[in-house]
Protein backbone atom coordinates (compact mmCIF):
# COMPACT_ATOMS: atom_id res chain seq x y z
CA MET A 1 0.04 -51.83 15.20
CA ALA A 2 2.87 -53.82 13.68
CA TYR A 3 5.72 -54.92 15.94
CA THR A 4 9.38 -54.96 14.93
CA ALA A 5 11.63 -56.87 17.32
CA PRO A 6 14.69 -54.82 18.39
CA LEU A 7 17.04 -57.60 17.32
CA LYS A 8 20.16 -55.46 17.01
CA ASP A 9 19.87 -54.15 20.54
CA MET A 10 19.06 -57.57 21.99
CA LEU A 11 21.99 -59.21 20.21
CA PHE A 12 24.32 -56.37 21.23
CA ASN A 13 23.45 -56.98 24.88
CA ILE A 14 23.69 -60.75 24.57
CA LYS A 15 27.07 -60.64 22.87
CA TYR A 16 28.89 -57.80 24.59
CA LEU A 17 27.25 -57.21 27.98
CA ALA A 18 25.93 -60.67 28.90
CA GLY A 19 28.85 -62.53 27.29
CA ILE A 20 26.99 -65.34 25.53
CA ASP A 21 30.18 -66.95 24.26
CA GLN A 22 31.39 -67.32 27.85
CA ILE A 23 28.05 -68.85 28.79
CA SER A 24 28.43 -71.35 25.95
CA GLN A 25 31.56 -72.66 27.68
CA LEU A 26 29.57 -73.76 30.72
CA PRO A 27 28.59 -77.44 31.07
CA GLY A 28 25.34 -78.12 29.22
CA MET A 29 25.48 -74.79 27.36
CA GLU A 30 27.98 -75.81 24.65
CA ASP A 31 25.56 -75.24 21.77
CA ALA A 32 24.34 -71.87 23.01
CA GLY A 33 26.85 -69.44 21.54
CA PHE A 34 26.19 -66.23 19.65
CA GLU A 35 25.27 -67.93 16.39
CA THR A 36 22.61 -69.96 18.18
CA ALA A 37 21.31 -66.85 19.94
CA GLN A 38 21.06 -64.99 16.65
CA ALA A 39 19.27 -67.85 14.90
CA VAL A 40 16.78 -68.34 17.73
CA LEU A 41 16.03 -64.64 18.08
CA GLU A 42 15.51 -64.23 14.35
CA GLU A 43 13.01 -67.10 14.31
CA ALA A 44 11.29 -65.74 17.41
CA ALA A 45 10.98 -62.35 15.74
CA LYS A 46 9.21 -63.90 12.74
CA PHE A 47 6.73 -65.73 14.96
CA ASN A 48 5.98 -62.84 17.27
CA GLU A 49 5.78 -60.22 14.54
CA GLY A 50 3.69 -62.39 12.25
CA VAL A 51 1.47 -64.46 14.57
CA LEU A 52 1.10 -62.89 18.04
CA ALA A 53 1.28 -59.16 17.33
CA PRO A 54 -1.72 -59.13 14.95
CA LEU A 55 -3.87 -60.61 17.74
CA ASN A 56 -2.99 -58.00 20.38
CA TRP A 57 -5.54 -55.34 19.44
CA ALA A 58 -8.18 -58.03 18.81
CA GLY A 59 -7.65 -59.35 22.33
CA ASP A 60 -8.21 -55.90 23.80
CA GLN A 61 -11.38 -55.31 21.78
CA ASN A 62 -12.79 -58.85 22.09
CA PRO A 63 -11.59 -60.15 25.47
CA THR A 64 -11.66 -63.70 26.75
CA SER A 65 -15.16 -64.57 27.96
CA TRP A 66 -16.75 -66.74 30.69
CA LYS A 67 -20.10 -68.48 30.62
CA ASP A 68 -21.35 -71.28 32.88
CA GLY A 69 -17.84 -72.12 34.06
CA VAL A 70 -16.40 -72.25 30.54
CA VAL A 71 -13.71 -69.76 29.51
CA THR A 72 -13.33 -69.07 25.80
CA ALA A 73 -10.23 -67.26 24.56
CA THR A 74 -10.20 -64.44 22.01
CA PRO A 75 -10.63 -65.81 18.46
CA GLY A 76 -7.24 -66.70 17.01
CA PHE A 77 -5.54 -67.35 20.34
CA LYS A 78 -6.11 -71.12 20.23
CA GLU A 79 -4.57 -71.45 16.78
CA ALA A 80 -1.67 -69.19 17.78
CA PHE A 81 -1.01 -71.27 20.89
CA GLN A 82 -0.99 -74.43 18.79
CA GLN A 83 1.63 -72.88 16.51
CA TYR A 84 3.58 -71.74 19.56
CA THR A 85 3.73 -75.19 21.10
CA GLU A 86 4.37 -77.01 17.83
CA ALA A 87 7.39 -74.79 17.22
CA GLY A 88 8.80 -75.77 20.65
CA TRP A 89 8.85 -72.28 22.16
CA GLN A 90 7.44 -73.43 25.52
CA GLY A 91 10.42 -75.71 26.13
CA LEU A 92 13.11 -73.24 25.11
CA GLN A 93 14.84 -72.98 28.51
CA HIS A 94 13.82 -76.30 30.04
CA PRO A 95 15.82 -79.54 30.39
CA VAL A 96 16.38 -81.73 27.38
CA GLU A 97 15.57 -84.82 29.45
CA PHE A 98 11.94 -83.68 29.68
CA GLY A 99 11.69 -82.61 26.06
CA GLY A 100 12.99 -79.06 26.32
CA GLN A 101 15.77 -77.40 24.35
CA GLY A 102 17.97 -76.55 27.34
CA LEU A 103 18.91 -73.06 26.13
CA PRO A 104 20.14 -70.43 28.60
CA LYS A 105 17.99 -67.77 30.22
CA THR A 106 20.15 -65.21 28.41
CA ILE A 107 18.49 -66.28 25.16
CA GLY A 108 15.12 -67.13 26.68
CA SER A 109 14.62 -63.73 28.29
CA ALA A 110 15.06 -61.95 24.96
CA VAL A 111 12.53 -64.29 23.37
CA GLY A 112 10.20 -63.59 26.30
CA GLU A 113 10.50 -59.86 25.70
CA MET A 114 9.41 -60.34 22.10
CA GLN A 115 6.39 -62.38 23.15
CA ASN A 116 5.30 -59.73 25.62
CA SER A 117 5.83 -56.87 23.20
CA ALA A 118 3.80 -58.67 20.58
CA ASN A 119 0.98 -59.77 22.88
CA MET A 120 1.30 -59.54 26.64
CA SER A 121 -2.05 -61.18 27.35
CA PHE A 122 -0.97 -64.25 25.39
CA ALA A 123 2.55 -64.28 26.83
CA LEU A 124 1.26 -64.58 30.39
CA LEU A 125 0.19 -68.16 29.68
CA PRO A 126 3.68 -69.53 28.91
CA LEU A 127 5.19 -67.36 31.65
CA LEU A 128 3.07 -69.05 34.34
CA THR A 129 3.69 -72.47 32.81
CA ASP A 130 7.44 -71.78 33.02
CA GLY A 131 7.05 -70.94 36.70
CA ALA A 132 5.13 -74.13 37.45
CA THR A 133 7.77 -76.12 35.59
CA GLU A 134 10.59 -74.55 37.62
CA ALA A 135 8.83 -75.32 40.90
CA LEU A 136 8.37 -78.98 39.97
CA LEU A 137 11.94 -79.29 38.73
CA THR A 138 13.12 -77.99 42.08
CA ALA A 139 10.77 -79.70 44.54
CA GLY A 140 8.60 -82.21 42.69
CA SER A 141 8.98 -85.94 43.29
CA ALA A 142 10.16 -88.24 40.51
CA GLU A 143 6.61 -89.59 40.28
CA LEU A 144 5.02 -86.15 39.90
CA ASN A 145 7.63 -85.00 37.43
CA ALA A 146 7.20 -88.10 35.30
CA ILE A 147 3.49 -87.33 34.99
CA TYR A 148 3.54 -83.57 34.50
CA LEU A 149 6.84 -82.12 33.33
CA GLU A 150 7.00 -83.35 29.76
CA LYS A 151 3.43 -82.22 29.10
CA LEU A 152 4.09 -78.79 30.63
CA ILE A 153 7.34 -78.32 28.75
CA SER A 154 5.73 -79.28 25.45
CA GLY A 155 2.83 -76.90 26.08
CA GLN A 156 0.33 -79.72 25.78
CA TRP A 157 -0.70 -78.75 29.33
CA THR A 158 -0.36 -75.33 30.96
CA GLY A 159 0.40 -74.28 34.53
CA THR A 160 -0.83 -71.75 37.07
CA MET A 161 0.15 -70.47 40.50
CA ASN A 162 -2.61 -70.15 43.11
CA LEU A 163 -1.66 -67.93 46.04
CA THR A 164 -4.14 -65.12 46.55
CA GLU A 165 -7.47 -65.48 48.38
CA PRO A 166 -10.23 -62.93 49.04
CA GLN A 167 -8.95 -62.22 52.57
CA ALA A 168 -5.26 -62.80 51.76
CA GLY A 169 -3.72 -60.56 49.13
CA SER A 170 0.02 -60.23 49.50
CA ASP A 171 -0.18 -61.44 53.11
CA LEU A 172 0.11 -65.17 52.51
CA ALA A 173 0.11 -65.85 56.24
CA ALA A 174 -3.66 -65.39 55.98
CA VAL A 175 -4.18 -68.24 53.49
CA ARG A 176 -7.16 -70.39 54.52
CA THR A 177 -7.43 -72.98 51.74
CA ARG A 178 -7.18 -76.32 53.49
CA ALA A 179 -5.78 -79.70 52.53
CA GLU A 180 -7.06 -82.87 54.15
CA PRO A 181 -4.78 -85.95 53.98
CA GLN A 182 -6.30 -89.08 52.44
CA PRO A 183 -5.41 -92.75 53.06
CA ASP A 184 -4.00 -93.13 49.52
CA GLY A 185 -1.45 -90.35 50.06
CA THR A 186 -3.38 -87.69 48.19
CA TYR A 187 -5.09 -84.66 49.75
CA LYS A 188 -8.54 -83.13 49.38
CA ILE A 189 -8.32 -79.39 48.70
CA PHE A 190 -11.03 -76.92 49.77
CA GLY A 191 -11.01 -73.15 49.27
CA THR A 192 -11.20 -70.15 46.96
CA LYS A 193 -8.36 -68.59 45.00
CA ILE A 194 -8.62 -65.26 43.19
CA PHE A 195 -6.60 -63.43 40.52
CA ILE A 196 -5.47 -66.70 38.89
CA THR A 197 -3.97 -65.85 35.52
CA TRP A 198 -5.10 -68.24 32.76
CA GLY A 199 -6.69 -70.35 35.52
CA GLU A 200 -9.26 -71.65 33.04
CA HIS A 201 -9.19 -71.59 29.23
CA ASP A 202 -9.71 -73.59 26.07
CA LEU A 203 -6.19 -73.48 24.61
CA ALA A 204 -4.75 -76.66 26.16
CA GLU A 205 -6.23 -80.01 27.14
CA ASN A 206 -5.25 -79.81 30.82
CA ILE A 207 -4.30 -77.16 33.37
CA VAL A 208 -1.90 -77.94 36.21
CA HIS A 209 -2.67 -75.74 39.21
CA LEU A 210 0.03 -75.26 41.85
CA VAL A 211 -1.92 -74.39 44.98
CA LEU A 212 -0.92 -73.12 48.41
CA ALA A 213 -2.99 -74.67 51.22
CA ARG A 214 -2.81 -75.61 54.90
CA VAL A 215 -2.76 -79.20 56.06
CA SER A 216 -4.87 -79.85 59.15
CA GLY A 217 -2.82 -79.10 62.28
CA ALA A 218 -0.18 -77.08 60.44
CA PRO A 219 1.56 -74.21 62.25
CA ALA A 220 0.00 -70.77 61.96
CA GLY A 221 1.35 -68.21 59.54
CA VAL A 222 3.60 -68.80 56.55
CA LYS A 223 5.36 -71.73 58.26
CA GLY A 224 2.21 -73.83 57.92
CA ILE A 225 1.68 -73.52 54.17
CA SER A 226 2.13 -76.48 51.82
CA LEU A 227 2.19 -76.70 48.03
CA PHE A 228 0.02 -79.03 45.95
CA VAL A 229 -0.46 -80.00 42.33
CA VAL A 230 -4.17 -79.93 41.54
CA PRO A 231 -4.86 -80.83 37.90
CA LYS A 232 -7.99 -79.69 36.09
CA PHE A 233 -8.36 -83.27 34.82
CA MET A 234 -7.05 -86.28 36.68
CA VAL A 235 -4.32 -88.23 34.92
CA ASN A 236 -4.67 -91.97 34.37
CA GLY A 237 -1.85 -94.45 34.85
CA ASP A 238 -1.14 -94.51 31.11
CA GLY A 239 -0.88 -90.71 30.96
CA SER A 240 -4.30 -90.18 29.41
CA LEU A 241 -6.80 -87.76 30.93
CA GLY A 242 -9.45 -89.01 33.30
CA ALA A 243 -12.29 -87.43 35.23
CA ARG A 244 -12.70 -83.69 35.81
CA ASN A 245 -11.23 -82.68 39.19
CA ASP A 246 -13.28 -80.70 41.68
CA VAL A 247 -11.96 -77.28 40.69
CA GLN A 248 -14.15 -74.81 38.83
CA CYS A 249 -13.82 -71.29 37.48
CA VAL A 250 -16.76 -69.38 38.95
CA SER A 251 -15.98 -66.03 37.30
CA ILE A 252 -13.34 -63.95 35.53
CA GLU A 253 -12.42 -60.35 36.28
CA HIS A 254 -13.26 -57.34 34.10
CA LYS A 255 -9.98 -55.45 33.99
CA LEU A 256 -8.30 -52.20 33.06
CA GLY A 257 -5.89 -53.99 30.71
CA ILE A 258 -4.53 -57.37 29.56
CA LYS A 259 -8.14 -58.13 28.71
CA ALA A 260 -7.47 -61.23 26.62
CA SER A 261 -5.81 -62.94 29.60
CA PRO A 262 -8.48 -64.54 31.82
CA THR A 263 -8.01 -63.63 35.49
CA CYS A 264 -10.03 -66.30 37.26
CA VAL A 265 -11.74 -66.98 40.54
CA LEU A 266 -11.22 -70.70 41.18
CA GLN A 267 -13.30 -72.72 43.61
CA PHE A 268 -11.77 -75.93 44.99
CA GLY A 269 -13.79 -78.66 46.66
CA ASP A 270 -17.45 -77.72 46.27
CA HIS A 271 -18.29 -81.31 45.33
CA GLY A 272 -16.36 -83.39 47.83
CA GLY A 273 -12.86 -81.99 47.53
CA ALA A 274 -10.35 -81.42 44.73
CA VAL A 275 -7.65 -84.08 44.57
CA GLY A 276 -4.21 -82.64 45.24
CA PHE A 277 -0.72 -84.08 45.30
CA LEU A 278 1.87 -82.77 47.74
CA VAL A 279 4.93 -81.09 46.25
CA GLY A 280 7.99 -81.74 48.40
CA GLN A 281 7.37 -81.71 52.14
CA GLU A 282 4.47 -80.39 54.17
CA ASN A 283 4.80 -76.83 55.50
CA ARG A 284 7.50 -75.87 52.99
CA GLY A 285 5.05 -74.66 50.34
CA LEU A 286 5.94 -71.00 50.43
CA GLU A 287 9.61 -71.86 49.99
CA TYR A 288 8.75 -73.86 46.86
CA MET A 289 6.23 -71.36 45.56
CA PHE A 290 8.83 -68.63 45.87
CA ILE A 291 10.73 -70.39 43.09
CA MET A 292 7.75 -69.70 40.86
CA MET A 293 7.40 -66.19 42.24
CA ASN A 294 11.06 -65.34 41.65
CA ALA A 295 10.91 -66.61 38.07
CA ALA A 296 7.69 -64.70 37.53
CA ARG A 297 9.09 -61.51 39.07
CA TYR A 298 11.98 -61.50 36.63
CA GLY A 299 9.51 -62.26 33.84
CA VAL A 300 7.24 -59.39 34.85
CA GLY A 301 10.23 -57.04 34.76
CA VAL A 302 10.82 -58.17 31.18
CA GLN A 303 7.14 -57.46 30.50
CA GLY A 304 7.77 -53.87 31.57
CA ILE A 305 10.62 -53.58 29.07
CA ALA A 306 8.49 -55.23 26.40
CA ILE A 307 5.49 -52.93 26.76
CA ALA A 308 7.81 -49.89 26.92
CA GLN A 309 9.37 -51.02 23.63
CA MET A 310 5.95 -51.15 21.97
CA ALA A 311 4.98 -47.73 23.32
CA TYR A 312 8.26 -46.32 22.00
CA GLN A 313 7.80 -47.83 18.54
CA LYS A 314 4.23 -46.53 18.34
CA ALA A 315 5.26 -43.05 19.47
CA VAL A 316 8.13 -42.83 16.96
CA GLU A 317 5.82 -43.92 14.14
CA PHE A 318 3.25 -41.27 15.10
CA ALA A 319 5.87 -38.54 15.57
CA ARG A 320 7.23 -39.15 12.07
CA ASP A 321 3.75 -38.88 10.51
CA ARG A 322 1.94 -36.22 12.56
CA ILE A 323 2.22 -32.77 10.96
CA GLN A 324 1.84 -29.91 13.40
CA SER A 325 3.55 -26.54 13.91
CA ARG A 326 6.66 -25.09 12.36
CA PRO A 327 9.91 -26.10 14.16
CA VAL A 328 11.12 -23.46 16.64
CA ASP A 329 14.51 -23.23 14.91
CA GLY A 330 12.96 -22.38 11.55
CA SER A 331 14.50 -25.43 9.91
CA LEU A 332 11.31 -26.03 7.90
CA PRO A 333 9.37 -23.35 5.99
CA ALA A 334 6.02 -24.60 7.29
CA ALA A 335 4.48 -27.07 9.72
CA GLY A 336 6.30 -30.39 9.78
CA PRO A 337 6.34 -33.77 11.52
CA ILE A 338 6.34 -33.31 15.29
CA ILE A 339 9.54 -35.36 15.61
CA HIS A 340 11.30 -32.07 14.72
CA HIS A 341 10.16 -30.46 17.99
CA PRO A 342 12.71 -30.59 20.84
CA ASP A 343 10.25 -31.62 23.54
CA VAL A 344 8.91 -34.49 21.43
CA ARG A 345 12.48 -35.65 20.89
CA ARG A 346 13.08 -35.36 24.64
CA MET A 347 10.11 -37.63 25.29
CA LEU A 348 11.20 -40.13 22.64
CA MET A 349 14.77 -40.17 23.96
CA THR A 350 13.46 -40.70 27.50
CA MET A 351 11.41 -43.67 26.32
CA ARG A 352 14.34 -45.09 24.35
CA ALA A 353 16.97 -44.64 27.07
CA TYR A 354 14.86 -46.16 29.84
CA THR A 355 13.95 -49.14 27.67
CA GLU A 356 17.49 -49.83 26.50
CA GLY A 357 18.93 -49.43 29.98
CA CYS A 358 16.47 -51.86 31.52
CA ARG A 359 16.88 -54.32 28.64
CA ALA A 360 20.65 -54.33 29.16
CA LEU A 361 20.22 -54.90 32.90
CA SER A 362 17.82 -57.81 32.36
CA SER A 363 20.22 -59.43 29.89
CA VAL A 364 23.17 -59.19 32.25
CA ALA A 365 21.09 -60.59 35.11
CA ALA A 366 19.98 -63.51 32.92
CA ALA A 367 23.61 -64.32 32.21
CA ALA A 368 24.33 -64.33 35.95
CA TYR A 369 21.44 -66.77 36.43
CA ASP A 370 22.93 -69.07 33.81
CA ALA A 371 26.35 -68.94 35.43
CA ALA A 372 24.86 -69.56 38.87
CA HIS A 373 23.13 -72.71 37.62
CA HIS A 374 25.80 -74.15 35.33
CA CYS A 375 29.24 -73.02 36.51
CA GLN A 376 31.17 -75.83 38.20
CA ASP A 377 33.26 -73.42 40.26
CA ALA A 378 31.16 -73.18 43.43
CA GLU A 379 32.47 -69.76 44.41
CA VAL A 380 31.86 -68.25 40.97
CA ALA A 381 28.40 -69.81 40.88
CA LYS A 382 27.62 -68.32 44.30
CA GLN A 383 28.79 -64.85 43.27
CA ASN A 384 26.52 -64.97 40.24
CA GLU A 385 23.61 -66.21 42.32
CA VAL A 386 24.02 -63.30 44.73
CA PHE A 387 24.23 -60.86 41.81
CA TYR A 388 21.08 -62.24 40.21
CA GLU A 389 19.12 -62.28 43.45
CA PHE A 390 20.02 -58.65 44.12
CA MET A 391 18.88 -57.68 40.62
CA VAL A 392 15.49 -59.44 40.63
CA PRO A 393 13.61 -56.84 42.75
CA LEU A 394 15.24 -54.08 40.68
CA ILE A 395 14.30 -55.64 37.36
CA LYS A 396 10.77 -56.31 38.58
CA GLY A 397 10.28 -53.01 40.39
CA TYR A 398 12.29 -50.50 38.37
CA SER A 399 11.45 -51.87 34.92
CA THR A 400 7.73 -51.95 35.64
CA GLU A 401 7.66 -48.49 37.19
CA MET A 402 9.66 -47.38 34.15
CA SER A 403 6.96 -48.84 31.90
CA GLN A 404 4.37 -46.60 33.58
CA LEU A 405 6.36 -43.52 32.65
CA VAL A 406 7.20 -44.69 29.13
CA THR A 407 3.67 -45.73 28.17
CA SER A 408 2.35 -42.46 29.61
CA LEU A 409 4.86 -40.56 27.50
CA GLY A 410 3.68 -42.59 24.52
CA VAL A 411 0.18 -41.23 25.05
CA GLN A 412 1.60 -37.72 25.51
CA VAL A 413 3.51 -37.85 22.22
CA HIS A 414 0.20 -38.61 20.50
CA GLY A 415 -1.42 -35.61 22.17
CA GLY A 416 -5.22 -35.68 22.07
CA MET A 417 -5.10 -38.65 19.71
CA GLY A 418 -3.39 -40.63 22.45
CA PHE A 419 -6.54 -40.39 24.56
CA ILE A 420 -8.54 -42.04 21.78
CA GLU A 421 -8.59 -45.84 21.96
CA GLU A 422 -8.51 -46.31 18.21
CA THR A 423 -4.92 -45.08 17.97
CA GLY A 424 -3.81 -48.07 20.05
CA CYS A 425 -1.28 -46.43 22.38
CA ALA A 426 -3.78 -46.29 25.25
CA GLN A 427 -3.80 -50.10 25.36
CA TYR A 428 -0.10 -50.13 26.24
CA TYR A 429 -0.74 -47.60 29.01
CA ARG A 430 -3.58 -49.70 30.43
CA ASP A 431 -1.79 -53.03 30.02
CA ALA A 432 1.31 -51.71 31.79
CA LYS A 433 -0.46 -50.74 35.01
CA ILE A 434 -0.81 -54.27 36.32
CA LEU A 435 2.95 -54.84 36.10
CA THR A 436 3.71 -52.80 39.21
CA ILE A 437 1.08 -54.80 41.13
CA TYR A 438 1.07 -58.52 40.36
CA GLU A 439 3.80 -60.90 41.51
CA GLY A 440 4.43 -58.49 44.37
CA THR A 441 3.85 -54.74 44.27
CA THR A 442 6.73 -52.31 43.92
CA ALA A 443 6.66 -51.83 47.70
CA ILE A 444 7.05 -55.58 48.21
CA GLN A 445 10.05 -55.60 45.87
CA ALA A 446 11.46 -52.64 47.78
CA ASN A 447 10.95 -54.41 51.11
CA ASP A 448 12.87 -57.39 49.71
CA LEU A 449 15.67 -55.08 48.57
CA VAL A 450 15.86 -53.45 51.99
CA GLY A 451 15.49 -56.49 54.21
CA ARG A 452 16.91 -59.52 52.42
CA LYS A 453 19.27 -57.88 49.95
CA THR A 454 20.78 -54.97 51.91
CA ALA A 455 20.22 -54.96 55.67
CA ARG A 456 20.75 -58.70 56.11
CA ASP A 457 24.43 -58.58 55.05
CA GLY A 458 25.09 -55.04 56.25
CA GLY A 459 25.18 -53.71 52.69
CA GLN A 460 28.13 -55.88 51.62
CA THR A 461 26.56 -57.10 48.36
CA ALA A 462 25.43 -53.61 47.43
CA LYS A 463 28.88 -52.14 48.10
CA ALA A 464 30.55 -54.91 46.10
CA LEU A 465 28.43 -53.85 43.15
CA ALA A 466 29.52 -50.26 43.73
CA VAL A 467 33.14 -51.39 43.40
CA GLN A 468 32.35 -52.93 40.01
CA ILE A 469 30.64 -49.73 38.92
CA GLU A 470 33.69 -47.73 39.97
CA ALA A 471 35.82 -49.94 37.71
CA THR A 472 33.54 -49.08 34.79
CA GLU A 473 33.94 -45.39 35.65
CA ALA A 474 37.72 -45.84 35.51
CA ALA A 475 37.50 -47.54 32.12
CA LEU A 476 35.34 -44.72 30.79
CA THR A 477 37.73 -42.10 32.15
CA ALA A 478 40.68 -43.87 30.54
CA THR A 479 39.19 -43.49 27.05
CA ALA A 480 39.24 -39.70 27.59
CA THR A 481 36.44 -39.02 25.10
CA PRO A 482 34.03 -36.24 26.11
CA ASP A 483 31.06 -38.64 26.10
CA ALA A 484 32.84 -41.20 28.25
CA LEU A 485 34.10 -38.57 30.70
CA ALA A 486 30.58 -37.19 31.09
CA MET A 487 29.17 -40.68 31.65
CA ALA A 488 31.87 -41.44 34.23
CA LYS A 489 31.04 -38.22 36.09
CA ARG A 490 27.32 -39.03 36.22
CA LEU A 491 27.95 -42.64 37.23
CA ALA A 492 30.24 -41.56 40.04
CA ALA A 493 27.66 -39.14 41.47
CA ALA A 494 24.96 -41.81 41.30
CA ARG A 495 27.24 -44.42 42.87
CA LEU A 496 28.08 -42.15 45.80
CA ALA A 497 24.39 -41.43 46.34
CA PHE A 498 23.75 -45.18 46.29
CA ILE A 499 26.47 -45.84 48.88
CA ASP A 500 25.00 -43.18 51.18
CA VAL A 501 21.61 -44.85 50.99
CA VAL A 502 23.05 -48.34 51.52
CA ASP A 503 24.78 -47.10 54.68
CA PHE A 504 21.53 -45.51 55.84
CA VAL A 505 19.53 -48.70 55.22
CA ALA A 506 22.11 -51.04 56.77
CA GLY A 507 22.53 -48.80 59.80
CA ASN A 508 18.89 -48.04 60.56
CA THR A 509 16.65 -50.94 59.50
CA LYS A 510 16.59 -52.47 62.98
CA ALA A 511 16.75 -49.33 65.08
CA HIS A 512 14.52 -47.07 62.97
CA PRO A 513 12.51 -49.29 60.61
CA ASN A 514 9.87 -46.68 59.78
CA ASP A 515 12.53 -44.24 58.61
CA VAL A 516 14.09 -46.84 56.31
CA PHE A 517 10.89 -48.27 54.87
CA ALA A 518 9.52 -44.79 54.27
CA GLY A 519 12.20 -44.57 51.58
CA SER A 520 12.22 -48.19 50.43
CA VAL A 521 10.63 -47.57 47.02
CA PRO A 522 12.81 -44.52 46.32
CA TYR A 523 15.80 -46.72 47.25
CA LEU A 524 14.67 -49.31 44.74
CA MET A 525 14.28 -46.63 42.08
CA LEU A 526 17.71 -45.19 42.86
CA ALA A 527 19.34 -48.62 42.73
CA GLY A 528 17.55 -49.61 39.52
CA ASN A 529 18.44 -46.29 37.93
CA LEU A 530 22.11 -46.78 38.80
CA MET A 531 22.34 -50.44 37.75
CA ALA A 532 20.73 -49.77 34.39
CA GLY A 533 22.95 -46.71 33.98
CA TRP A 534 25.99 -48.86 34.74
CA GLN A 535 25.05 -51.15 31.87
CA MET A 536 24.64 -48.14 29.59
CA GLY A 537 28.14 -47.07 30.60
CA ARG A 538 29.45 -50.52 29.70
CA ALA A 539 27.53 -50.32 26.43
CA MET A 540 29.17 -46.97 25.66
CA LEU A 541 32.63 -48.54 26.07
CA VAL A 542 31.75 -51.35 23.67
CA ALA A 543 30.23 -48.96 21.14
CA GLN A 544 33.27 -46.68 21.19
CA GLU A 545 35.53 -49.63 20.47
CA ALA A 546 33.25 -50.80 17.67
CA LEU A 547 33.22 -47.34 16.12
CA ALA A 548 37.01 -47.33 16.12
CA ARG A 549 36.83 -50.53 14.05
CA GLY A 550 34.20 -49.01 11.73
CA GLU A 551 31.65 -51.61 12.83
CA ASP A 552 27.93 -50.85 12.34
CA VAL A 553 28.56 -47.12 12.63
CA ALA A 554 24.95 -45.88 12.74
CA PHE A 555 23.91 -48.32 15.47
CA MET A 556 26.98 -47.71 17.61
CA GLN A 557 26.66 -43.93 17.34
CA ALA A 558 23.02 -44.19 18.38
CA LYS A 559 24.00 -46.39 21.33
CA ILE A 560 26.52 -43.80 22.54
CA THR A 561 24.00 -40.97 22.13
CA THR A 562 21.35 -42.92 24.04
CA ALA A 563 23.84 -43.64 26.82
CA CYS A 564 24.69 -39.94 27.00
CA PHE A 565 21.02 -39.08 27.32
CA TYR A 566 20.59 -41.67 30.07
CA ALA A 567 23.52 -40.13 31.94
CA ASP A 568 22.34 -36.54 31.54
CA HIS A 569 18.61 -36.99 32.12
CA ILE A 570 18.10 -40.18 34.14
CA LEU A 571 21.22 -40.84 36.21
CA THR A 572 21.06 -37.23 37.39
CA GLN A 573 17.87 -38.06 39.34
CA THR A 574 19.77 -40.18 41.87
CA PRO A 575 21.18 -37.44 44.16
CA GLY A 576 17.66 -36.11 44.70
CA LEU A 577 16.42 -39.58 45.55
CA ARG A 578 19.29 -39.94 47.98
CA ASP A 579 18.25 -36.75 49.77
CA ALA A 580 14.61 -37.84 49.98
CA ILE A 581 15.58 -41.22 51.47
CA VAL A 582 18.29 -40.18 53.92
CA GLU A 583 16.91 -36.80 54.97
CA GLY A 584 13.19 -36.94 54.22
CA ALA A 585 11.82 -39.83 56.29
CA ALA A 586 10.28 -37.70 59.03
CA SER A 587 7.74 -35.97 56.77
CA VAL A 588 6.43 -39.29 55.45
CA THR A 589 4.92 -40.30 58.80
CA ALA A 590 4.48 -36.86 60.39
CA LEU A 591 0.72 -36.53 59.83
CA SER A 592 -1.49 -38.21 62.39
CA LEU A 593 -3.80 -40.85 60.94
CA ASP A 594 -6.90 -38.72 61.37
CA GLN A 595 -5.31 -35.89 59.39
CA PHE A 596 -5.30 -37.85 56.16
């Protein structure tokens, strides 16, 4: 299916909610105002609509293959990746000093959404390379960075993150891959890593693996993990490629979705040891790898929005064309397009409202990231950092869980045709499932929200956000329009439910941990629902003002209507979630283990 980038909605968020012109006043961001954002997004739309989207179905039908250690990508992917790198897309957000364009995350995240809507299997490759780049920028030595960063940022080489092992899924304390120090300062790496996205392929000339391993004598648990660069090919002193390193792809997984993205089993050290180079200091590897993980978690949340957008577009297209049944209100004399039926419109509005709400939240969080990294006022930078860090588990968890619902609704809109692969909507449903699992399951995001983001500071950050939401409610109430008053009412109810849960989490995590963690995922869903709804409330205010000026009337009216739907049909779920969390913990753990 063709893809049309939602440029108007992206640019609306970037301009009015994220405040791109304020970001462009930050040091290093001077050339990144709205005009730049518009120009970049328009070019990105052309590339993703014209080059990546046509390969998406082909990748699902003709997946990446493995034979005798060689991984061959879907036909067309290599040429597309060459176009991608030649156009400079890989370096969009990275420092100019290493060949990047230095643009803000606020722009980069919108471009990333387009890539993932057009072709999520393809987009995983630059996403992981971005993560590896961020880790090296943060913790890599000058020597390592001189060798690897420019090539990663150009896309000449690609990057991976190697965490998971057969016996160690999300529990990284169980990592067994070992690193043996060598006299020349390098390390020999031995072990097996599984689920390595784009861990082997034929699109780039080298692959830079970032690998978690234990140095001999390291402390047990996560405190004894170090991080290493292990290149597929060794790099000579002049920057040219040398001998093949001792790391091999021994198989790729056969998956439910994202079939064109090779998920590899990598074996290190079967022939004497893979050469690795320490990143930063020994035993601080998890700390450094978390930089990659945090970047990837935000990126996976954007993937959820992206795949939901595609499911929505496909469902709308089908609903306009599919003729079935006379409308219940008699508005047509005979059977008509199913988009006339109220329940189909309910499903389409649900898909649209969830997607727009999560897109707005991701854009605002990206702006906070930019301010945290570029604002010279230390206090303002810190406030933005705290805001962004609170939002990451919500964007990752809520947006990906949202994508499950939206892609399922996309199949439902198609009816029986949705269950047939040839219609294409089933691919979005299958591709979306992994999003709630990789880079930390929804439960892991919820545990982060409970432990690090709420209980640790006694709920202060969460309650500070509630104060900001209350200010938006006041602004909505002040306009006195029926739509704004209804939105303010729904926001207030959701905010009060959120505060009740925050108090419950902050007050019981230590004393009654099972009770709190029994409701951790519902808490994440409540918080994500509210934060996205808050952005829809802000969007309504902007749209009302624009309508008063006669600006882009059709778009602004649709934005207000979508915000109203979000308030009436999505925000209203929060009081029930509150009750389940605060009052329903006992029934979660009431059955004895042998009763399951």
